[in-house]
Amino acid sequence: MASETVPPALNKLMTRWRADGGQAQAGMTWPRERWIERLSGHKAVLEALPDVLDREPVRRASDAAMDATRAEVAFVAVMAWGYGGVGYGPYRTWRILTAPDAGYRLAEAARRLRDHGAMAAYDCLADGGDCRLRGLGPAFGTKYLYFLPGRAEPSALILDSLVAAWLKRETDLNVNPVGWSGRTYRTYLDQMHRWAASLGCAPDELESNVFQAMANERGGPWAQNIR
């Protein structure tokens, strides 16, 4: 992948991250019992997750999401991480999983990512896609895709409102995350992978640092290296 000019704010962000030791994103505490109460059918996976939840155990829980049962396991783990301490997270996750064939649709998205790449998986979850799930928007849909196994480039990355806001302000990359848009997601993935290659880091390391910069600035539950 050809090198290209990296915006100064991204250079500064990643230089500071390396100077601080280049650590992976820190974990966060989460309300396990609240999740088990709402999603009792997934008690086993929720009990298996650590008290302080970071990306690695979520990735392990998502590494075999190719059938309906395991796809639901992966989805619940990702949502527990993604919502963290937000009170309505268990309910919203439960509501999505009550949709007809929810597990099958999640598993099909995983197979599309494995066999055809991130864009094929994104498109099938998007409006009009054959794996669309009511209540699952692109911010949490891309969280699910990010943790799924797949080797094709560009790899899936999380695109949420905090990442998009920082990028728009600091780099002029305008990737509105509110509605499903294959063009927007493709633009985001391509640009983040090019910048990561120029910076000598993994694309998801770039994403997590962008997220953390905006989260720390805005405050709230994801500040202070907590997502």
C-alpha atoms as a PDB file:
ATOM      1  CA  MET A   1       0.000   0.000   0.000  1.00  0.00           C
ATOM      2  CA  ALA A   2       1.492   3.303  -1.061  1.00  0.00           C
ATOM      3  CA  SER A   3       2.518   5.809   1.569  1.00  0.00           C
ATOM      4  CA  GLU A   4       0.647   9.077   1.711  1.00  0.00           C
ATOM      5  CA  THR A   5       0.638  12.277   3.704  1.00  0.00           C
ATOM      6  CA  VAL A   6      -0.854  11.818   7.161  1.00  0.00           C
ATOM      7  CA  PRO A   7      -2.747  14.710   8.808  1.00  0.00           C
ATOM      8  CA  PRO A   8      -0.662  16.346  11.560  1.00  0.00           C
ATOM      9  CA  ALA A   9      -3.251  15.568  14.235  1.00  0.00           C
ATOM     10  CA  LEU A  10      -3.031  11.850  13.478  1.00  0.00           C
ATOM     11  CA  ASN A  11       0.762  11.949  13.548  1.00  0.00           C
ATOM     12  CA  LYS A  12       0.651  13.686  16.911  1.00  0.00           C
ATOM     13  CA  LEU A  13      -1.925  11.251  18.282  1.00  0.00           C
ATOM     14  CA  MET A  14       0.022   8.139  17.344  1.00  0.00           C
ATOM     15  CA  THR A  15       3.398   9.608  18.373  1.00  0.00           C
ATOM     16  CA  ARG A  16       1.994  10.266  21.840  1.00  0.00           C
ATOM     17  CA  TRP A  17       0.529   6.755  21.986  1.00  0.00           C
ATOM     18  CA  ARG A  18       3.906   5.205  21.172  1.00  0.00           C
ATOM     19  CA  ALA A  19       5.658   7.432  23.693  1.00  0.00           C
ATOM     20  CA  ASP A  20       3.223   6.189  26.331  1.00  0.00           C
ATOM     21  CA  GLY A  21       4.138   2.587  25.548  1.00  0.00           C
ATOM     22  CA  GLY A  22       1.745   1.719  22.723  1.00  0.00           C
ATOM     23  CA  GLN A  23      -0.638  -0.087  25.030  1.00  0.00           C
ATOM     24  CA  ALA A  24      -3.816  -1.759  23.852  1.00  0.00           C
ATOM     25  CA  GLN A  25      -7.060  -0.060  24.771  1.00  0.00           C
ATOM     26  CA  ALA A  26      -7.833  -0.538  28.440  1.00  0.00           C
ATOM     27  CA  GLY A  27     -10.774  -2.579  29.627  1.00  0.00           C
ATOM     28  CA  MET A  28     -13.865  -1.424  31.442  1.00  0.00           C
ATOM     29  CA  THR A  29     -16.165  -2.759  34.130  1.00  0.00           C
ATOM     30  CA  TRP A  30     -19.683  -3.704  33.071  1.00  0.00           C
ATOM     31  CA  PRO A  31     -22.937  -4.705  34.841  1.00  0.00           C
ATOM     32  CA  ARG A  32     -22.829  -8.473  34.325  1.00  0.00           C
ATOM     33  CA  GLU A  33     -25.926  -9.269  36.426  1.00  0.00           C
ATOM     34  CA  ARG A  34     -28.061  -6.797  34.515  1.00  0.00           C
ATOM     35  CA  TRP A  35     -27.063  -8.474  31.264  1.00  0.00           C
ATOM     36  CA  ILE A  36     -27.762 -11.946  32.638  1.00  0.00           C
ATOM     37  CA  GLU A  37     -31.162 -10.856  33.927  1.00  0.00           C
ATOM     38  CA  ARG A  38     -32.243  -9.640  30.486  1.00  0.00           C
ATOM     39  CA  LEU A  39     -30.412 -12.271  28.395  1.00  0.00           C
ATOM     40  CA  SER A  40     -30.686 -15.354  30.582  1.00  0.00           C
ATOM     41  CA  GLY A  41     -30.389 -17.640  27.570  1.00  0.00           C
ATOM     42  CA  HIS A  42     -26.835 -16.362  27.123  1.00  0.00           C
ATOM     43  CA  LYS A  43     -25.827 -16.698  30.755  1.00  0.00           C
ATOM     44  CA  ALA A  44     -22.876 -18.962  29.957  1.00  0.00           C
ATOM     45  CA  VAL A  45     -21.089 -16.514  27.676  1.00  0.00           C
ATOM     46  CA  LEU A  46     -21.841 -13.585  29.978  1.00  0.00           C
ATOM     47  CA  GLU A  47     -20.448 -15.454  32.984  1.00  0.00           C
ATOM     48  CA  ALA A  48     -17.332 -16.405  31.008  1.00  0.00           C
ATOM     49  CA  LEU A  49     -16.422 -12.791  30.222  1.00  0.00           C
ATOM     50  CA  PRO A  50     -14.004 -11.086  32.639  1.00  0.00           C
ATOM     51  CA  ASP A  51     -15.076  -8.438  35.126  1.00  0.00           C
ATOM     52  CA  VAL A  52     -12.926  -5.902  33.278  1.00  0.00           C
ATOM     53  CA  LEU A  53     -13.800  -6.275  29.625  1.00  0.00           C
ATOM     54  CA  ASP A  54     -11.408  -5.336  26.834  1.00  0.00           C
ATOM     55  CA  ARG A  55     -11.140  -6.286  23.184  1.00  0.00           C
ATOM     56  CA  GLU A  56      -9.247  -9.563  23.523  1.00  0.00           C
ATOM     57  CA  PRO A  57     -11.850 -11.708  25.325  1.00  0.00           C
ATOM     58  CA  VAL A  58     -14.541 -10.330  23.040  1.00  0.00           C
ATOM     59  CA  ARG A  59     -12.474 -11.370  20.043  1.00  0.00           C
ATOM     60  CA  ARG A  60     -12.073 -14.875  21.476  1.00  0.00           C
ATOM     61  CA  ALA A  61     -15.841 -15.120  22.007  1.00  0.00           C
ATOM     62  CA  SER A  62     -16.362 -14.129  18.364  1.00  0.00           C
ATOM     63  CA  ASP A  63     -13.883 -16.412  16.627  1.00  0.00           C
ATOM     64  CA  ALA A  64     -16.383 -19.102  15.596  1.00  0.00           C
ATOM     65  CA  ALA A  65     -19.502 -17.094  14.721  1.00  0.00           C
ATOM     66  CA  MET A  66     -20.393 -19.086  11.605  1.00  0.00           C
ATOM     67  CA  ASP A  67     -23.603 -20.700  12.843  1.00  0.00           C
ATOM     68  CA  ALA A  68     -26.641 -19.118  14.478  1.00  0.00           C
ATOM     69  CA  THR A  69     -25.844 -20.178  18.042  1.00  0.00           C
ATOM     70  CA  ARG A  70     -22.235 -19.040  17.998  1.00  0.00           C
ATOM     71  CA  ALA A  71     -23.103 -15.856  16.142  1.00  0.00           C
ATOM     72  CA  GLU A  72     -25.489 -14.909  18.944  1.00  0.00           C
ATOM     73  CA  VAL A  73     -22.751 -15.642  21.484  1.00  0.00           C
ATOM     74  CA  ALA A  74     -20.415 -13.330  19.591  1.00  0.00           C
ATOM     75  CA  PHE A  75     -23.057 -10.635  19.272  1.00  0.00           C
ATOM     76  CA  VAL A  76     -23.882 -10.655  22.990  1.00  0.00           C
ATOM     77  CA  ALA A  77     -20.192 -10.401  23.919  1.00  0.00           C
ATOM     78  CA  VAL A  78     -19.640  -7.527  21.492  1.00  0.00           C
ATOM     79  CA  MET A  79     -22.704  -5.655  22.723  1.00  0.00           C
ATOM     80  CA  ALA A  80     -21.684  -6.090  26.376  1.00  0.00           C
ATOM     81  CA  TRP A  81     -18.329  -4.518  25.519  1.00  0.00           C
ATOM     82  CA  GLY A  82     -19.805  -1.856  23.254  1.00  0.00           C
ATOM     83  CA  TYR A  83     -22.478  -0.652  25.664  1.00  0.00           C
ATOM     84  CA  GLY A  84     -20.381  -1.075  28.789  1.00  0.00           C
ATOM     85  CA  GLY A  85     -22.233   0.478  31.693  1.00  0.00           C
ATOM     86  CA  VAL A  86     -24.992   2.067  29.602  1.00  0.00           C
ATOM     87  CA  GLY A  87     -28.220   0.973  31.238  1.00  0.00           C
ATOM     88  CA  TYR A  88     -30.286   0.271  28.137  1.00  0.00           C
ATOM     89  CA  GLY A  89     -27.640  -1.936  26.491  1.00  0.00           C
ATOM     90  CA  PRO A  90     -29.081  -5.289  27.638  1.00  0.00           C
ATOM     91  CA  TYR A  91     -32.606  -4.361  26.545  1.00  0.00           C
ATOM     92  CA  ARG A  92     -31.540  -3.146  23.119  1.00  0.00           C
ATOM     93  CA  THR A  93     -29.467  -6.268  22.571  1.00  0.00           C
ATOM     94  CA  TRP A  94     -32.348  -8.508  23.647  1.00  0.00           C
ATOM     95  CA  ARG A  95     -34.740  -6.660  21.339  1.00  0.00           C
ATOM     96  CA  ILE A  96     -32.463  -7.180  18.324  1.00  0.00           C
ATOM     97  CA  LEU A  97     -32.127 -10.873  19.107  1.00  0.00           C
ATOM     98  CA  THR A  98     -35.916 -11.341  19.228  1.00  0.00           C
ATOM     99  CA  ALA A  99     -36.112 -10.671  15.481  1.00  0.00           C
ATOM    100  CA  PRO A 100     -36.966 -13.709  13.335  1.00  0.00           C
ATOM    101  CA  ASP A 101     -33.819 -15.585  12.316  1.00  0.00           C
ATOM    102  CA  ALA A 102     -31.575 -13.097  14.167  1.00  0.00           C
ATOM    103  CA  GLY A 103     -28.892 -15.697  14.817  1.00  0.00           C
ATOM    104  CA  TYR A 104     -28.971 -16.886  11.233  1.00  0.00           C
ATOM    105  CA  ARG A 105     -28.613 -13.330   9.923  1.00  0.00           C
ATOM    106  CA  LEU A 106     -25.702 -12.605  12.240  1.00  0.00           C
ATOM    107  CA  ALA A 107     -24.033 -15.853  11.184  1.00  0.00           C
ATOM    108  CA  GLU A 108     -24.560 -15.055   7.511  1.00  0.00           C
ATOM    109  CA  ALA A 109     -22.901 -11.666   8.023  1.00  0.00           C
ATOM    110  CA  ALA A 110     -19.952 -13.482   9.613  1.00  0.00           C
ATOM    111  CA  ARG A 111     -19.714 -15.852   6.648  1.00  0.00           C
ATOM    112  CA  ARG A 112     -19.879 -12.950   4.190  1.00  0.00           C
ATOM    113  CA  LEU A 113     -17.040 -11.219   5.990  1.00  0.00           C
ATOM    114  CA  ARG A 114     -14.950 -14.397   6.021  1.00  0.00           C
ATOM    115  CA  ASP A 115     -15.620 -15.258   2.378  1.00  0.00           C
ATOM    116  CA  HIS A 116     -16.058 -11.885   0.701  1.00  0.00           C
ATOM    117  CA  GLY A 117     -14.700  -9.196   3.030  1.00  0.00           C
ATOM    118  CA  ALA A 118     -15.880  -6.342   5.200  1.00  0.00           C
ATOM    119  CA  MET A 119     -17.919  -4.521   2.570  1.00  0.00           C
ATOM    120  CA  ALA A 120     -19.994  -7.582   1.691  1.00  0.00           C
ATOM    121  CA  ALA A 121     -20.776  -8.105   5.378  1.00  0.00           C
ATOM    122  CA  TYR A 122     -21.584  -4.430   5.899  1.00  0.00           C
ATOM    123  CA  ASP A 123     -23.909  -4.357   2.897  1.00  0.00           C
ATOM    124  CA  CYS A 124     -25.882  -7.384   4.049  1.00  0.00           C
ATOM    125  CA  LEU A 125     -26.549  -5.761   7.464  1.00  0.00           C
ATOM    126  CA  ALA A 126     -27.411  -2.382   5.926  1.00  0.00           C
ATOM    127  CA  ASP A 127     -30.817  -1.086   4.885  1.00  0.00           C
ATOM    128  CA  GLY A 128     -32.128  -3.346   2.148  1.00  0.00           C
ATOM    129  CA  GLY A 129     -29.614  -6.081   2.947  1.00  0.00           C
ATOM    130  CA  ASP A 130     -30.766  -9.660   3.411  1.00  0.00           C
ATOM    131  CA  CYS A 131     -29.287  -9.803   6.953  1.00  0.00           C
ATOM    132  CA  ARG A 132     -30.793  -6.509   8.150  1.00  0.00           C
ATOM    133  CA  LEU A 133     -31.808  -6.504  11.819  1.00  0.00           C
ATOM    134  CA  ARG A 134     -34.153  -3.837  13.098  1.00  0.00           C
ATOM    135  CA  GLY A 135     -32.529  -1.824  15.863  1.00  0.00           C
ATOM    136  CA  LEU A 136     -28.956  -2.573  14.790  1.00  0.00           C
ATOM    137  CA  GLY A 137     -27.390   0.570  13.389  1.00  0.00           C
ATOM    138  CA  PRO A 138     -23.969   1.024  11.817  1.00  0.00           C
ATOM    139  CA  ALA A 139     -22.197   2.074  15.017  1.00  0.00           C
ATOM    140  CA  PHE A 140     -22.908  -1.259  16.718  1.00  0.00           C
ATOM    141  CA  GLY A 141     -23.123  -3.197  13.482  1.00  0.00           C
ATOM    142  CA  THR A 142     -19.520  -2.282  12.704  1.00  0.00           C
ATOM    143  CA  LYS A 143     -18.524  -3.256  16.243  1.00  0.00           C
ATOM    144  CA  TYR A 144     -19.887  -6.731  15.531  1.00  0.00           C
ATOM    145  CA  LEU A 145     -18.095  -6.935  12.180  1.00  0.00           C
ATOM    146  CA  TYR A 146     -14.823  -5.737  13.679  1.00  0.00           C
ATOM    147  CA  PHE A 147     -14.559  -8.697  16.049  1.00  0.00           C
ATOM    148  CA  LEU A 148     -15.396 -11.376  13.493  1.00  0.00           C
ATOM    149  CA  PRO A 149     -12.604 -13.489  11.975  1.00  0.00           C
ATOM    150  CA  GLY A 150     -11.556 -12.517   8.465  1.00  0.00           C
ATOM    151  CA  ARG A 151      -8.317 -11.973   6.604  1.00  0.00           C
ATOM    152  CA  ALA A 152      -9.400  -9.971   3.558  1.00  0.00           C
ATOM    153  CA  GLU A 153      -8.270  -6.363   3.268  1.00  0.00           C
ATOM    154  CA  PRO A 154      -9.488  -3.851   4.106  1.00  0.00           C
ATOM    155  CA  SER A 155     -10.369  -5.347   7.468  1.00  0.00           C
ATOM    156  CA  ALA A 156     -13.538  -4.230   9.240  1.00  0.00           C
ATOM    157  CA  LEU A 157     -13.200  -1.293  11.631  1.00  0.00           C
ATOM    158  CA  ILE A 158     -15.584   0.325  14.095  1.00  0.00           C
ATOM    159  CA  LEU A 159     -17.201   3.530  12.867  1.00  0.00           C
ATOM    160  CA  ASP A 160     -19.209   5.375  15.501  1.00  0.00           C
ATOM    161  CA  SER A 161     -20.078   8.978  16.263  1.00  0.00           C
ATOM    162  CA  LEU A 162     -16.974   9.718  18.333  1.00  0.00           C
ATOM    163  CA  VAL A 163     -14.578   8.390  15.693  1.00  0.00           C
ATOM    164  CA  ALA A 164     -16.439  10.263  12.965  1.00  0.00           C
ATOM    165  CA  ALA A 165     -16.513  13.545  14.920  1.00  0.00           C
ATOM    166  CA  TRP A 166     -12.770  13.517  15.614  1.00  0.00           C
ATOM    167  CA  LEU A 167     -11.887  12.642  12.024  1.00  0.00           C
ATOM    168  CA  LYS A 168     -14.113  15.351  10.590  1.00  0.00           C
ATOM    169  CA  ARG A 169     -12.630  18.005  12.853  1.00  0.00           C
ATOM    170  CA  GLU A 170      -8.990  16.970  12.682  1.00  0.00           C
ATOM    171  CA  THR A 171      -8.597  15.519   9.186  1.00  0.00           C
ATOM    172  CA  ASP A 172     -11.594  16.755   7.155  1.00  0.00           C
ATOM    173  CA  LEU A 173     -12.594  13.140   6.486  1.00  0.00           C
ATOM    174  CA  ASN A 174     -16.393  13.322   6.630  1.00  0.00           C
ATOM    175  CA  VAL A 175     -17.837   9.862   7.332  1.00  0.00           C
ATOM    176  CA  ASN A 176     -21.293  10.333   8.834  1.00  0.00           C
ATOM    177  CA  PRO A 177     -21.926   7.177  10.907  1.00  0.00           C
ATOM    178  CA  VAL A 178     -25.633   7.674  11.541  1.00  0.00           C
ATOM    179  CA  GLY A 179     -27.133   5.912   8.535  1.00  0.00           C
ATOM    180  CA  TRP A 180     -26.007   2.778   6.719  1.00  0.00           C
ATOM    181  CA  SER A 181     -23.956   3.794   3.676  1.00  0.00           C
ATOM    182  CA  GLY A 182     -21.666   1.431   1.827  1.00  0.00           C
ATOM    183  CA  ARG A 183     -19.910   4.334   0.113  1.00  0.00           C
ATOM    184  CA  THR A 184     -19.190   6.019   3.447  1.00  0.00           C
ATOM    185  CA  TYR A 185     -17.871   2.852   5.036  1.00  0.00           C
ATOM    186  CA  ARG A 186     -15.674   2.028   2.046  1.00  0.00           C
ATOM    187  CA  THR A 187     -14.213   5.553   2.125  1.00  0.00           C
ATOM    188  CA  TYR A 188     -13.548   5.216   5.852  1.00  0.00           C
ATOM    189  CA  LEU A 189     -11.891   1.796   5.596  1.00  0.00           C
ATOM    190  CA  ASP A 190      -9.726   2.716   2.636  1.00  0.00           C
ATOM    191  CA  GLN A 191      -8.508   5.949   4.216  1.00  0.00           C
ATOM    192  CA  MET A 192      -7.849   4.467   7.652  1.00  0.00           C
ATOM    193  CA  HIS A 193      -5.875   1.594   6.144  1.00  0.00           C
ATOM    194  CA  ARG A 194      -3.764   3.992   4.060  1.00  0.00           C
ATOM    195  CA  TRP A 195      -3.045   6.211   7.043  1.00  0.00           C
ATOM    196  CA  ALA A 196      -2.207   3.206   9.224  1.00  0.00           C
ATOM    197  CA  ALA A 197       0.229   1.914   6.620  1.00  0.00           C
ATOM    198  CA  SER A 198       1.972   5.288   6.505  1.00  0.00           C
ATOM    199  CA  LEU A 199       2.075   5.493  10.298  1.00  0.00           C
ATOM    200  CA  GLY A 200       3.347   1.933  10.716  1.00  0.00           C
ATOM    201  CA  CYS A 201       0.481   0.813  12.935  1.00  0.00           C
ATOM    202  CA  ALA A 202      -2.488  -1.516  12.641  1.00  0.00           C
ATOM    203  CA  PRO A 203      -5.711   0.089  11.358  1.00  0.00           C
ATOM    204  CA  ASP A 204      -7.582  -0.839  14.532  1.00  0.00           C
ATOM    205  CA  GLU A 205      -4.869   0.758  16.657  1.00  0.00           C
ATOM    206  CA  LEU A 206      -5.497   3.956  14.740  1.00  0.00           C
ATOM    207  CA  GLU A 207      -9.263   3.632  15.204  1.00  0.00           C
ATOM    208  CA  SER A 208      -9.042   2.973  18.945  1.00  0.00           C
ATOM    209  CA  ASN A 209      -6.762   5.966  19.495  1.00  0.00           C
ATOM    210  CA  VAL A 210      -9.047   8.256  17.506  1.00  0.00           C
ATOM    211  CA  PHE A 211     -11.992   7.032  19.562  1.00  0.00           C
ATOM    212  CA  GLN A 212     -10.155   7.496  22.841  1.00  0.00           C
ATOM    213  CA  ALA A 213      -9.047  11.007  21.980  1.00  0.00           C
ATOM    214  CA  MET A 214     -12.625  12.147  21.478  1.00  0.00           C
ATOM    215  CA  ALA A 215     -13.968  10.129  24.417  1.00  0.00           C
ATOM    216  CA  ASN A 216     -11.417  11.690  26.761  1.00  0.00           C
ATOM    217  CA  GLU A 217     -12.267  15.134  25.463  1.00  0.00           C
ATOM    218  CA  ARG A 218     -16.011  14.739  25.903  1.00  0.00           C
ATOM    219  CA  GLY A 219     -15.893  12.887  29.207  1.00  0.00           C
ATOM    220  CA  GLY A 220     -18.428  10.322  30.310  1.00  0.00           C
ATOM    221  CA  PRO A 221     -18.131   6.573  30.851  1.00  0.00           C
ATOM    222  CA  TRP A 222     -15.595   5.945  28.069  1.00  0.00           C
ATOM    223  CA  ALA A 223     -13.111   8.610  29.123  1.00  0.00           C
ATOM    224  CA  GLN A 224      -9.819   7.862  30.859  1.00  0.00           C
ATOM    225  CA  ASN A 225      -8.930   4.953  28.575  1.00  0.00           C
ATOM    226  CA  ILE A 226     -12.264   3.221  29.164  1.00  0.00           C
ATOM    227  CA  ARG A 227     -14.475   2.247  26.251  1.00  0.00           C
END
